[in-house]
Amino acid sequence: MQADYDAVGKGGDSPCRPEGVEDFGAEMEASGLFRVVAERRYQWEMEYTADAYVDVLGTYSDHLMQEKETRERLFDLIRARIGDRTVRKSYLATLDVAVRT
């Protein structure tokens, strides 16, 4: 779908794979304010129809901030790309637990 974002002038770097997302533990410890005691990563996938996927995208801040015409054009392109098929989206949540030093 990167081509669809590029087509409406909202391209950029492609999203990285979940394994490429760094945790915040090292940054927290480097501050000298915290000692990290646990780091967890939770990854899951969801499958969406075109309309359901666009509904999800419509809740993201970067999409909400786009001009209405740009957002609608992007969503039309995405719907056309998916068609009657489904799309699988990966999600990642990270949890860093630390104690104040």
PDB file of N, CA and C in Angstrom:
ATOM      1  N   MET A   1       0.799  -1.194   0.000  1.00  0.00           N
ATOM      2  CA  MET A   1       0.000   0.000   0.000  1.00  0.00           C
ATOM      3  C   MET A   1       0.844   1.261   0.000  1.00  0.00           C
ATOM      4  N   GLN A   2       2.162   1.086   0.091  1.00  0.00           N
ATOM      5  CA  GLN A   2       3.035   2.249   0.086  1.00  0.00           C
ATOM      6  C   GLN A   2       2.810   3.092  -1.165  1.00  0.00           C
ATOM      7  N   ALA A   3       2.539   2.436  -2.298  1.00  0.00           N
ATOM      8  CA  ALA A   3       2.293   3.166  -3.544  1.00  0.00           C
ATOM      9  C   ALA A   3       1.063   4.064  -3.418  1.00  0.00           C
ATOM     10  N   ASP A   4       0.066   3.640  -2.661  1.00  0.00           N
ATOM     11  CA  ASP A   4      -1.135   4.453  -2.467  1.00  0.00           C
ATOM     12  C   ASP A   4      -0.814   5.706  -1.655  1.00  0.00           C
ATOM     13  N   TYR A   5       0.005   5.547  -0.622  1.00  0.00           N
ATOM     14  CA  TYR A   5       0.424   6.703   0.166  1.00  0.00           C
ATOM     15  C   TYR A   5       1.267   7.649  -0.696  1.00  0.00           C
ATOM     16  N   ASP A   6       2.153   7.082  -1.506  1.00  0.00           N
ATOM     17  CA  ASP A   6       2.976   7.899  -2.398  1.00  0.00           C
ATOM     18  C   ASP A   6       2.099   8.666  -3.389  1.00  0.00           C
ATOM     19  N   ALA A   7       1.037   8.023  -3.882  1.00  0.00           N
ATOM     20  CA  ALA A   7       0.159   8.631  -4.886  1.00  0.00           C
ATOM     21  C   ALA A   7      -0.565   9.864  -4.365  1.00  0.00           C
ATOM     22  N   VAL A   8      -0.809   9.920  -3.064  1.00  0.00           N
ATOM     23  CA  VAL A   8      -1.500  11.090  -2.498  1.00  0.00           C
ATOM     24  C   VAL A   8      -0.532  12.036  -1.802  1.00  0.00           C
ATOM     25  N   GLY A   9       0.769  11.788  -1.983  1.00  0.00           N
ATOM     26  CA  GLY A   9       1.770  12.679  -1.413  1.00  0.00           C
ATOM     27  C   GLY A   9       2.001  12.487   0.072  1.00  0.00           C
ATOM     28  N   LYS A  10       1.624  11.346   0.596  1.00  0.00           N
ATOM     29  CA  LYS A  10       1.809  11.062   2.019  1.00  0.00           C
ATOM     30  C   LYS A  10       2.743   9.884   2.242  1.00  0.00           C
ATOM     31  N   GLY A  11       3.615   9.661   1.266  1.00  0.00           N
ATOM     32  CA  GLY A  11       4.575   8.570   1.374  1.00  0.00           C
ATOM     33  C   GLY A  11       5.610   8.873   2.436  1.00  0.00           C
ATOM     34  N   GLY A  12       6.563   8.081   2.512  1.00  0.00           N
ATOM     35  CA  GLY A  12       7.621   8.204   3.499  1.00  0.00           C
ATOM     36  C   GLY A  12       8.281   6.854   3.613  1.00  0.00           C
ATOM     37  N   ASP A  13       8.907   6.639   4.712  1.00  0.00           N
ATOM     38  CA  ASP A  13       9.521   5.343   4.929  1.00  0.00           C
ATOM     39  C   ASP A  13       8.436   4.292   5.137  1.00  0.00           C
ATOM     40  N   SER A  14       8.651   3.139   4.577  1.00  0.00           N
ATOM     41  CA  SER A  14       7.737   2.029   4.820  1.00  0.00           C
ATOM     42  C   SER A  14       7.824   1.648   6.289  1.00  0.00           C
ATOM     43  N   PRO A  15       6.718   1.203   6.869  1.00  0.00           N
ATOM     44  CA  PRO A  15       6.772   0.774   8.270  1.00  0.00           C
ATOM     45  C   PRO A  15       7.770  -0.370   8.436  1.00  0.00           C
ATOM     46  N   CYS A  16       8.474  -0.368   9.542  1.00  0.00           N
ATOM     47  CA  CYS A  16       9.428  -1.454   9.769  1.00  0.00           C
ATOM     48  C   CYS A  16       8.691  -2.688  10.284  1.00  0.00           C
ATOM     49  N   ARG A  17       9.340  -3.790  10.185  1.00  0.00           N
ATOM     50  CA  ARG A  17       8.784  -5.044  10.697  1.00  0.00           C
ATOM     51  C   ARG A  17       8.833  -5.001  12.222  1.00  0.00           C
ATOM     52  N   PRO A  18       7.951  -5.713  12.891  1.00  0.00           N
ATOM     53  CA  PRO A  18       7.917  -5.667  14.358  1.00  0.00           C
ATOM     54  C   PRO A  18       9.254  -5.963  15.025  1.00  0.00           C
ATOM     55  N   GLU A  19      10.030  -6.875  14.447  1.00  0.00           N
ATOM     56  CA  GLU A  19      11.320  -7.200  15.062  1.00  0.00           C
ATOM     57  C   GLU A  19      12.316  -6.040  14.945  1.00  0.00           C
ATOM     58  N   GLY A  20      12.018  -5.049  14.105  1.00  0.00           N
ATOM     59  CA  GLY A  20      12.884  -3.896  13.958  1.00  0.00           C
ATOM     60  C   GLY A  20      12.580  -2.766  14.934  1.00  0.00           C
ATOM     61  N   VAL A  21      11.514  -2.913  15.712  1.00  0.00           N
ATOM     62  CA  VAL A  21      11.130  -1.884  16.679  1.00  0.00           C
ATOM     63  C   VAL A  21      11.946  -2.081  17.948  1.00  0.00           C
ATOM     64  N   GLU A  22      12.623  -1.014  18.360  1.00  0.00           N
ATOM     65  CA  GLU A  22      13.449  -1.104  19.564  1.00  0.00           C
ATOM     66  C   GLU A  22      12.606  -0.826  20.804  1.00  0.00           C
ATOM     67  N   ASP A  23      12.997  -1.425  21.917  1.00  0.00           N
ATOM     68  CA  ASP A  23      12.317  -1.128  23.179  1.00  0.00           C
ATOM     69  C   ASP A  23      12.940   0.129  23.776  1.00  0.00           C
ATOM     70  N   PHE A  24      12.387   0.591  24.884  1.00  0.00           N
ATOM     71  CA  PHE A  24      12.848   1.835  25.499  1.00  0.00           C
ATOM     72  C   PHE A  24      13.739   1.609  26.717  1.00  0.00           C
ATOM     73  N   GLY A  25      14.020   0.361  27.041  1.00  0.00           N
ATOM     74  CA  GLY A  25      14.784   0.046  28.241  1.00  0.00           C
ATOM     75  C   GLY A  25      16.130   0.736  28.314  1.00  0.00           C
ATOM     76  N   ALA A  26      16.916   0.656  27.260  1.00  0.00           N
ATOM     77  CA  ALA A  26      18.254   1.264  27.273  1.00  0.00           C
ATOM     78  C   ALA A  26      18.168   2.774  27.455  1.00  0.00           C
ATOM     79  N   GLU A  27      17.200   3.381  26.800  1.00  0.00           N
ATOM     80  CA  GLU A  27      17.020   4.831  26.927  1.00  0.00           C
ATOM     81  C   GLU A  27      16.606   5.207  28.348  1.00  0.00           C
ATOM     82  N   MET A  28      15.738   4.403  28.937  1.00  0.00           N
ATOM     83  CA  MET A  28      15.292   4.671  30.303  1.00  0.00           C
ATOM     84  C   MET A  28      16.457   4.555  31.287  1.00  0.00           C
ATOM     85  N   GLU A  29      17.260   3.512  31.142  1.00  0.00           N
ATOM     86  CA  GLU A  29      18.402   3.331  32.040  1.00  0.00           C
ATOM     87  C   GLU A  29      19.455   4.417  31.821  1.00  0.00           C
ATOM     88  N   ALA A  30      19.639   4.839  30.572  1.00  0.00           N
ATOM     89  CA  ALA A  30      20.624   5.877  30.267  1.00  0.00           C
ATOM     90  C   ALA A  30      20.263   7.210  30.927  1.00  0.00           C
ATOM     91  N   SER A  31      18.993   7.406  31.213  1.00  0.00           N
ATOM     92  CA  SER A  31      18.578   8.655  31.862  1.00  0.00           C
ATOM     93  C   SER A  31      19.092   8.744  33.299  1.00  0.00           C
ATOM     94  N   GLY A  32      19.444   7.579  33.866  1.00  0.00           N
ATOM     95  CA  GLY A  32      19.886   7.554  35.256  1.00  0.00           C
ATOM     96  C   GLY A  32      18.744   7.621  36.254  1.00  0.00           C
ATOM     97  N   LEU A  33      17.530   7.682  35.771  1.00  0.00           N
ATOM     98  CA  LEU A  33      16.356   7.798  36.649  1.00  0.00           C
ATOM     99  C   LEU A  33      15.678   6.467  36.929  1.00  0.00           C
ATOM    100  N   PHE A  34      15.953   5.470  36.087  1.00  0.00           N
ATOM    101  CA  PHE A  34      15.240   4.199  36.204  1.00  0.00           C
ATOM    102  C   PHE A  34      16.185   3.019  36.044  1.00  0.00           C
ATOM    103  N   ARG A  35      15.771   1.895  36.616  1.00  0.00           N
ATOM    104  CA  ARG A  35      16.412   0.603  36.394  1.00  0.00           C
ATOM    105  C   ARG A  35      15.330  -0.303  35.837  1.00  0.00           C
ATOM    106  N   VAL A  36      15.558  -0.809  34.653  1.00  0.00           N
ATOM    107  CA  VAL A  36      14.561  -1.647  33.986  1.00  0.00           C
ATOM    108  C   VAL A  36      14.565  -3.033  34.620  1.00  0.00           C
ATOM    109  N   VAL A  37      13.375  -3.512  34.987  1.00  0.00           N
ATOM    110  CA  VAL A  37      13.279  -4.840  35.577  1.00  0.00           C
ATOM    111  C   VAL A  37      12.624  -5.854  34.639  1.00  0.00           C
ATOM    112  N   ALA A  38      11.913  -5.371  33.641  1.00  0.00           N
ATOM    113  CA  ALA A  38      11.289  -6.303  32.700  1.00  0.00           C
ATOM    114  C   ALA A  38      10.954  -5.591  31.396  1.00  0.00           C
ATOM    115  N   GLU A  39      11.100  -6.323  30.315  1.00  0.00           N
ATOM    116  CA  GLU A  39      10.710  -5.838  28.998  1.00  0.00           C
ATOM    117  C   GLU A  39       9.922  -6.954  28.324  1.00  0.00           C
ATOM    118  N   ARG A  40       8.778  -6.608  27.810  1.00  0.00           N
ATOM    119  CA  ARG A  40       7.939  -7.601  27.132  1.00  0.00           C
ATOM    120  C   ARG A  40       7.462  -7.027  25.806  1.00  0.00           C
ATOM    121  N   ARG A  41       7.296  -7.931  24.839  1.00  0.00           N
ATOM    122  CA  ARG A  41       6.769  -7.565  23.527  1.00  0.00           C
ATOM    123  C   ARG A  41       5.580  -8.469  23.243  1.00  0.00           C
ATOM    124  N   TYR A  42       4.514  -7.854  22.808  1.00  0.00           N
ATOM    125  CA  TYR A  42       3.304  -8.591  22.480  1.00  0.00           C
ATOM    126  C   TYR A  42       2.958  -8.291  21.021  1.00  0.00           C
ATOM    127  N   GLN A  43       2.942  -9.342  20.226  1.00  0.00           N
ATOM    128  CA  GLN A  43       2.681  -9.188  18.799  1.00  0.00           C
ATOM    129  C   GLN A  43       1.472 -10.024  18.418  1.00  0.00           C
ATOM    130  N   TRP A  44       0.613  -9.457  17.567  1.00  0.00           N
ATOM    131  CA  TRP A  44      -0.546 -10.188  17.072  1.00  0.00           C
ATOM    132  C   TRP A  44      -0.913  -9.654  15.698  1.00  0.00           C
ATOM    133  N   GLU A  45      -1.734 -10.410  15.002  1.00  0.00           N
ATOM    134  CA  GLU A  45      -2.189 -10.024  13.674  1.00  0.00           C
ATOM    135  C   GLU A  45      -3.707 -10.032  13.633  1.00  0.00           C
ATOM    136  N   MET A  46      -4.239  -9.144  12.817  1.00  0.00           N
ATOM    137  CA  MET A  46      -5.682  -9.082  12.582  1.00  0.00           C
ATOM    138  C   MET A  46      -5.906  -9.111  11.075  1.00  0.00           C
ATOM    139  N   GLU A  47      -7.004  -9.685  10.671  1.00  0.00           N
ATOM    140  CA  GLU A  47      -7.357  -9.728   9.266  1.00  0.00           C
ATOM    141  C   GLU A  47      -8.585  -8.852   9.044  1.00  0.00           C
ATOM    142  N   TYR A  48      -8.550  -8.027   8.000  1.00  0.00           N
ATOM    143  CA  TYR A  48      -9.603  -7.057   7.750  1.00  0.00           C
ATOM    144  C   TYR A  48     -10.102  -7.119   6.316  1.00  0.00           C
ATOM    145  N   THR A  49     -11.388  -6.836   6.132  1.00  0.00           N
ATOM    146  CA  THR A  49     -11.910  -6.543   4.803  1.00  0.00           C
ATOM    147  C   THR A  49     -11.459  -5.126   4.456  1.00  0.00           C
ATOM    148  N   ALA A  50     -11.653  -4.726   3.227  1.00  0.00           N
ATOM    149  CA  ALA A  50     -11.234  -3.385   2.807  1.00  0.00           C
ATOM    150  C   ALA A  50     -11.913  -2.307   3.648  1.00  0.00           C
ATOM    151  N   ASP A  51     -13.227  -2.401   3.820  1.00  0.00           N
ATOM    152  CA  ASP A  51     -13.944  -1.379   4.588  1.00  0.00           C
ATOM    153  C   ASP A  51     -13.536  -1.380   6.055  1.00  0.00           C
ATOM    154  N   ALA A  52     -13.351  -2.546   6.630  1.00  0.00           N
ATOM    155  CA  ALA A  52     -12.938  -2.624   8.036  1.00  0.00           C
ATOM    156  C   ALA A  52     -11.533  -2.056   8.226  1.00  0.00           C
ATOM    157  N   TYR A  53     -10.653  -2.310   7.253  1.00  0.00           N
ATOM    158  CA  TYR A  53      -9.286  -1.792   7.348  1.00  0.00           C
ATOM    159  C   TYR A  53      -9.279  -0.266   7.261  1.00  0.00           C
ATOM    160  N   VAL A  54     -10.045   0.269   6.333  1.00  0.00           N
ATOM    161  CA  VAL A  54     -10.144   1.728   6.207  1.00  0.00           C
ATOM    162  C   VAL A  54     -10.752   2.323   7.475  1.00  0.00           C
ATOM    163  N   ASP A  55     -11.707   1.650   8.073  1.00  0.00           N
ATOM    164  CA  ASP A  55     -12.275   2.127   9.343  1.00  0.00           C
ATOM    165  C   ASP A  55     -11.195   2.231  10.417  1.00  0.00           C
ATOM    166  N   VAL A  56     -10.324   1.242  10.485  1.00  0.00           N
ATOM    167  CA  VAL A  56      -9.226   1.269  11.463  1.00  0.00           C
ATOM    168  C   VAL A  56      -8.275   2.414  11.143  1.00  0.00           C
ATOM    169  N   LEU A  57      -7.867   2.526   9.883  1.00  0.00           N
ATOM    170  CA  LEU A  57      -6.952   3.602   9.498  1.00  0.00           C
ATOM    171  C   LEU A  57      -7.530   4.977   9.828  1.00  0.00           C
ATOM    172  N   GLY A  58      -8.843   5.088   9.720  1.00  0.00           N
ATOM    173  CA  GLY A  58      -9.511   6.352   9.986  1.00  0.00           C
ATOM    174  C   GLY A  58      -9.448   6.795  11.437  1.00  0.00           C
ATOM    175  N   THR A  59      -8.980   5.924  12.322  1.00  0.00           N
ATOM    176  CA  THR A  59      -8.841   6.299  13.733  1.00  0.00           C
ATOM    177  C   THR A  59      -7.432   6.777  14.068  1.00  0.00           C
ATOM    178  N   TYR A  60      -6.486   6.629  13.147  1.00  0.00           N
ATOM    179  CA  TYR A  60      -5.093   6.991  13.408  1.00  0.00           C
ATOM    180  C   TYR A  60      -4.899   8.498  13.253  1.00  0.00           C
ATOM    181  N   SER A  61      -4.152   9.082  14.165  1.00  0.00           N
ATOM    182  CA  SER A  61      -3.949  10.532  14.186  1.00  0.00           C
ATOM    183  C   SER A  61      -3.415  11.073  12.873  1.00  0.00           C
ATOM    184  N   ASP A  62      -2.418  10.375  12.289  1.00  0.00           N
ATOM    185  CA  ASP A  62      -1.835  10.911  11.056  1.00  0.00           C
ATOM    186  C   ASP A  62      -2.843  10.944   9.919  1.00  0.00           C
ATOM    187  N   HIS A  63      -3.819  10.047   9.935  1.00  0.00           N
ATOM    188  CA  HIS A  63      -4.867  10.085   8.916  1.00  0.00           C
ATOM    189  C   HIS A  63      -5.901  11.154   9.246  1.00  0.00           C
ATOM    190  N   LEU A  64      -6.232  11.303  10.512  1.00  0.00           N
ATOM    191  CA  LEU A  64      -7.205  12.318  10.921  1.00  0.00           C
ATOM    192  C   LEU A  64      -6.698  13.727  10.627  1.00  0.00           C
ATOM    193  N   MET A  65      -5.392  13.928  10.645  1.00  0.00           N
ATOM    194  CA  MET A  65      -4.816  15.247  10.395  1.00  0.00           C
ATOM    195  C   MET A  65      -4.726  15.588   8.907  1.00  0.00           C
ATOM    196  N   GLN A  66      -4.898  14.600   8.051  1.00  0.00           N
ATOM    197  CA  GLN A  66      -4.832  14.866   6.611  1.00  0.00           C
ATOM    198  C   GLN A  66      -6.054  15.671   6.180  1.00  0.00           C
ATOM    199  N   GLU A  67      -5.892  16.408   5.096  1.00  0.00           N
ATOM    200  CA  GLU A  67      -7.039  17.089   4.516  1.00  0.00           C
ATOM    201  C   GLU A  67      -8.055  16.031   4.099  1.00  0.00           C
ATOM    202  N   LYS A  68      -9.326  16.372   4.223  1.00  0.00           N
ATOM    203  CA  LYS A  68     -10.392  15.410   3.950  1.00  0.00           C
ATOM    204  C   LYS A  68     -10.274  14.796   2.553  1.00  0.00           C
ATOM    205  N   GLU A  69      -9.997  15.628   1.550  1.00  0.00           N
ATOM    206  CA  GLU A  69      -9.907  15.135   0.169  1.00  0.00           C
ATOM    207  C   GLU A  69      -8.743  14.147   0.006  1.00  0.00           C
ATOM    208  N   THR A  70      -7.624  14.454   0.640  1.00  0.00           N
ATOM    209  CA  THR A  70      -6.457  13.565   0.576  1.00  0.00           C
ATOM    210  C   THR A  70      -6.766  12.238   1.248  1.00  0.00           C
ATOM    211  N   ARG A  71      -7.356  12.311   2.432  1.00  0.00           N
ATOM    212  CA  ARG A  71      -7.698  11.099   3.182  1.00  0.00           C
ATOM    213  C   ARG A  71      -8.683  10.243   2.393  1.00  0.00           C
ATOM    214  N   GLU A  72      -9.705  10.859   1.830  1.00  0.00           N
ATOM    215  CA  GLU A  72     -10.702  10.100   1.070  1.00  0.00           C
ATOM    216  C   GLU A  72     -10.084   9.459  -0.162  1.00  0.00           C
ATOM    217  N   ARG A  73      -9.194  10.180  -0.839  1.00  0.00           N
ATOM    218  CA  ARG A  73      -8.517   9.620  -2.023  1.00  0.00           C
ATOM    219  C   ARG A  73      -7.647   8.431  -1.625  1.00  0.00           C
ATOM    220  N   LEU A  74      -6.903   8.585  -0.534  1.00  0.00           N
ATOM    221  CA  LEU A  74      -6.071   7.489  -0.046  1.00  0.00           C
ATOM    222  C   LEU A  74      -6.926   6.274   0.282  1.00  0.00           C
ATOM    223  N   PHE A  75      -8.000   6.485   1.002  1.00  0.00           N
ATOM    224  CA  PHE A  75      -8.856   5.362   1.393  1.00  0.00           C
ATOM    225  C   PHE A  75      -9.499   4.700   0.181  1.00  0.00           C
ATOM    226  N   ASP A  76      -9.852   5.488  -0.831  1.00  0.00           N
ATOM    227  CA  ASP A  76     -10.394   4.897  -2.064  1.00  0.00           C
ATOM    228  C   ASP A  76      -9.351   4.012  -2.744  1.00  0.00           C
ATOM    229  N   LEU A  77      -8.108   4.481  -2.788  1.00  0.00           N
ATOM    230  CA  LEU A  77      -7.030   3.687  -3.393  1.00  0.00           C
ATOM    231  C   LEU A  77      -6.800   2.388  -2.617  1.00  0.00           C
ATOM    232  N   ILE A  78      -6.825   2.479  -1.309  1.00  0.00           N
ATOM    233  CA  ILE A  78      -6.615   1.288  -0.472  1.00  0.00           C
ATOM    234  C   ILE A  78      -7.757   0.300  -0.657  1.00  0.00           C
ATOM    235  N   ARG A  79      -8.990   0.801  -0.665  1.00  0.00           N
ATOM    236  CA  ARG A  79     -10.136  -0.091  -0.902  1.00  0.00           C
ATOM    237  C   ARG A  79     -10.000  -0.809  -2.248  1.00  0.00           C
ATOM    238  N   ALA A  80      -9.609  -0.063  -3.277  1.00  0.00           N
ATOM    239  CA  ALA A  80      -9.455  -0.658  -4.613  1.00  0.00           C
ATOM    240  C   ALA A  80      -8.347  -1.704  -4.616  1.00  0.00           C
ATOM    241  N   ARG A  81      -7.260  -1.436  -3.911  1.00  0.00           N
ATOM    242  CA  ARG A  81      -6.140  -2.382  -3.865  1.00  0.00           C
ATOM    243  C   ARG A  81      -6.560  -3.690  -3.187  1.00  0.00           C
ATOM    244  N   ILE A  82      -7.293  -3.595  -2.099  1.00  0.00           N
ATOM    245  CA  ILE A  82      -7.711  -4.789  -1.355  1.00  0.00           C
ATOM    246  C   ILE A  82      -8.831  -5.506  -2.095  1.00  0.00           C
ATOM    247  N   GLY A  83      -9.762  -4.741  -2.644  1.00  0.00           N
ATOM    248  CA  GLY A  83     -10.885  -5.336  -3.386  1.00  0.00           C
ATOM    249  C   GLY A  83     -11.716  -6.241  -2.493  1.00  0.00           C
ATOM    250  N   ASP A  84     -12.042  -7.425  -3.012  1.00  0.00           N
ATOM    251  CA  ASP A  84     -12.865  -8.386  -2.276  1.00  0.00           C
ATOM    252  C   ASP A  84     -12.037  -9.310  -1.388  1.00  0.00           C
ATOM    253  N   ARG A  85     -10.738  -9.086  -1.368  1.00  0.00           N
ATOM    254  CA  ARG A  85      -9.867  -9.917  -0.539  1.00  0.00           C
ATOM    255  C   ARG A  85      -9.821  -9.356   0.880  1.00  0.00           C
ATOM    256  N   THR A  86      -8.922  -9.877   1.682  1.00  0.00           N
ATOM    257  CA  THR A  86      -8.687  -9.345   3.021  1.00  0.00           C
ATOM    258  C   THR A  86      -7.222  -8.946   3.134  1.00  0.00           C
ATOM    259  N   VAL A  87      -6.932  -8.155   4.136  1.00  0.00           N
ATOM    260  CA  VAL A  87      -5.565  -7.730   4.399  1.00  0.00           C
ATOM    261  C   VAL A  87      -5.236  -8.097   5.839  1.00  0.00           C
ATOM    262  N   ARG A  88      -4.011  -8.503   6.068  1.00  0.00           N
ATOM    263  CA  ARG A  88      -3.553  -8.869   7.409  1.00  0.00           C
ATOM    264  C   ARG A  88      -2.628  -7.775   7.920  1.00  0.00           C
ATOM    265  N   LYS A  89      -2.916  -7.272   9.112  1.00  0.00           N
ATOM    266  CA  LYS A  89      -2.119  -6.205   9.714  1.00  0.00           C
ATOM    267  C   LYS A  89      -1.484  -6.712  10.995  1.00  0.00           C
ATOM    268  N   SER A  90      -0.192  -6.452  11.130  1.00  0.00           N
ATOM    269  CA  SER A  90       0.540  -6.823  12.343  1.00  0.00           C
ATOM    270  C   SER A  90       0.505  -5.682  13.342  1.00  0.00           C
ATOM    271  N   TYR A  91       0.370  -6.032  14.597  1.00  0.00           N
ATOM    272  CA  TYR A  91       0.401  -5.057  15.686  1.00  0.00           C
ATOM    273  C   TYR A  91       1.490  -5.453  16.671  1.00  0.00           C
ATOM    274  N   LEU A  92       2.031  -4.460  17.338  1.00  0.00           N
ATOM    275  CA  LEU A  92       3.051  -4.702  18.335  1.00  0.00           C
ATOM    276  C   LEU A  92       2.835  -3.742  19.499  1.00  0.00           C
ATOM    277  N   ALA A  93       2.792  -4.296  20.684  1.00  0.00           N
ATOM    278  CA  ALA A  93       2.770  -3.483  21.903  1.00  0.00           C
ATOM    279  C   ALA A  93       3.998  -3.852  22.704  1.00  0.00           C
ATOM    280  N   THR A  94       4.667  -2.842  23.237  1.00  0.00           N
ATOM    281  CA  THR A  94       5.838  -3.094  24.078  1.00  0.00           C
ATOM    282  C   THR A  94       5.538  -2.613  25.480  1.00  0.00           C
ATOM    283  N   LEU A  95       6.088  -3.308  26.448  1.00  0.00           N
ATOM    284  CA  LEU A  95       5.923  -2.961  27.853  1.00  0.00           C
ATOM    285  C   LEU A  95       7.295  -2.969  28.513  1.00  0.00           C
ATOM    286  N   ASP A  96       7.672  -1.833  29.065  1.00  0.00           N
ATOM    287  CA  ASP A  96       8.927  -1.717  29.805  1.00  0.00           C
ATOM    288  C   ASP A  96       8.555  -1.391  31.249  1.00  0.00           C
ATOM    289  N   VAL A  97       8.958  -2.246  32.163  1.00  0.00           N
ATOM    290  CA  VAL A  97       8.691  -2.028  33.587  1.00  0.00           C
ATOM    291  C   VAL A  97      10.013  -1.626  34.246  1.00  0.00           C
ATOM    292  N   ALA A  98       9.965  -0.525  34.990  1.00  0.00           N
ATOM    293  CA  ALA A  98      11.194  -0.014  35.609  1.00  0.00           C
ATOM    294  C   ALA A  98      10.882   0.512  36.999  1.00  0.00           C
ATOM    295  N   VAL A  99      11.921   0.591  37.800  1.00  0.00           N
ATOM    296  CA  VAL A  99      11.812   1.200  39.128  1.00  0.00           C
ATOM    297  C   VAL A  99      12.653   2.456  39.133  1.00  0.00           C
ATOM    298  N   ARG A 100      12.180   3.430  39.867  1.00  0.00           N
ATOM    299  CA  ARG A 100      12.889   4.693  39.976  1.00  0.00           C
ATOM    300  C   ARG A 100      14.145   4.480  40.832  1.00  0.00           C
ATOM    301  N   THR A 101      15.276   5.018  40.397  1.00  0.00           N
ATOM    302  CA  THR A 101      16.522   4.851  41.154  1.00  0.00           C
ATOM    303  C   THR A 101      16.758   6.031  42.085  1.00  0.00           C
TER     304      THR A 101
END
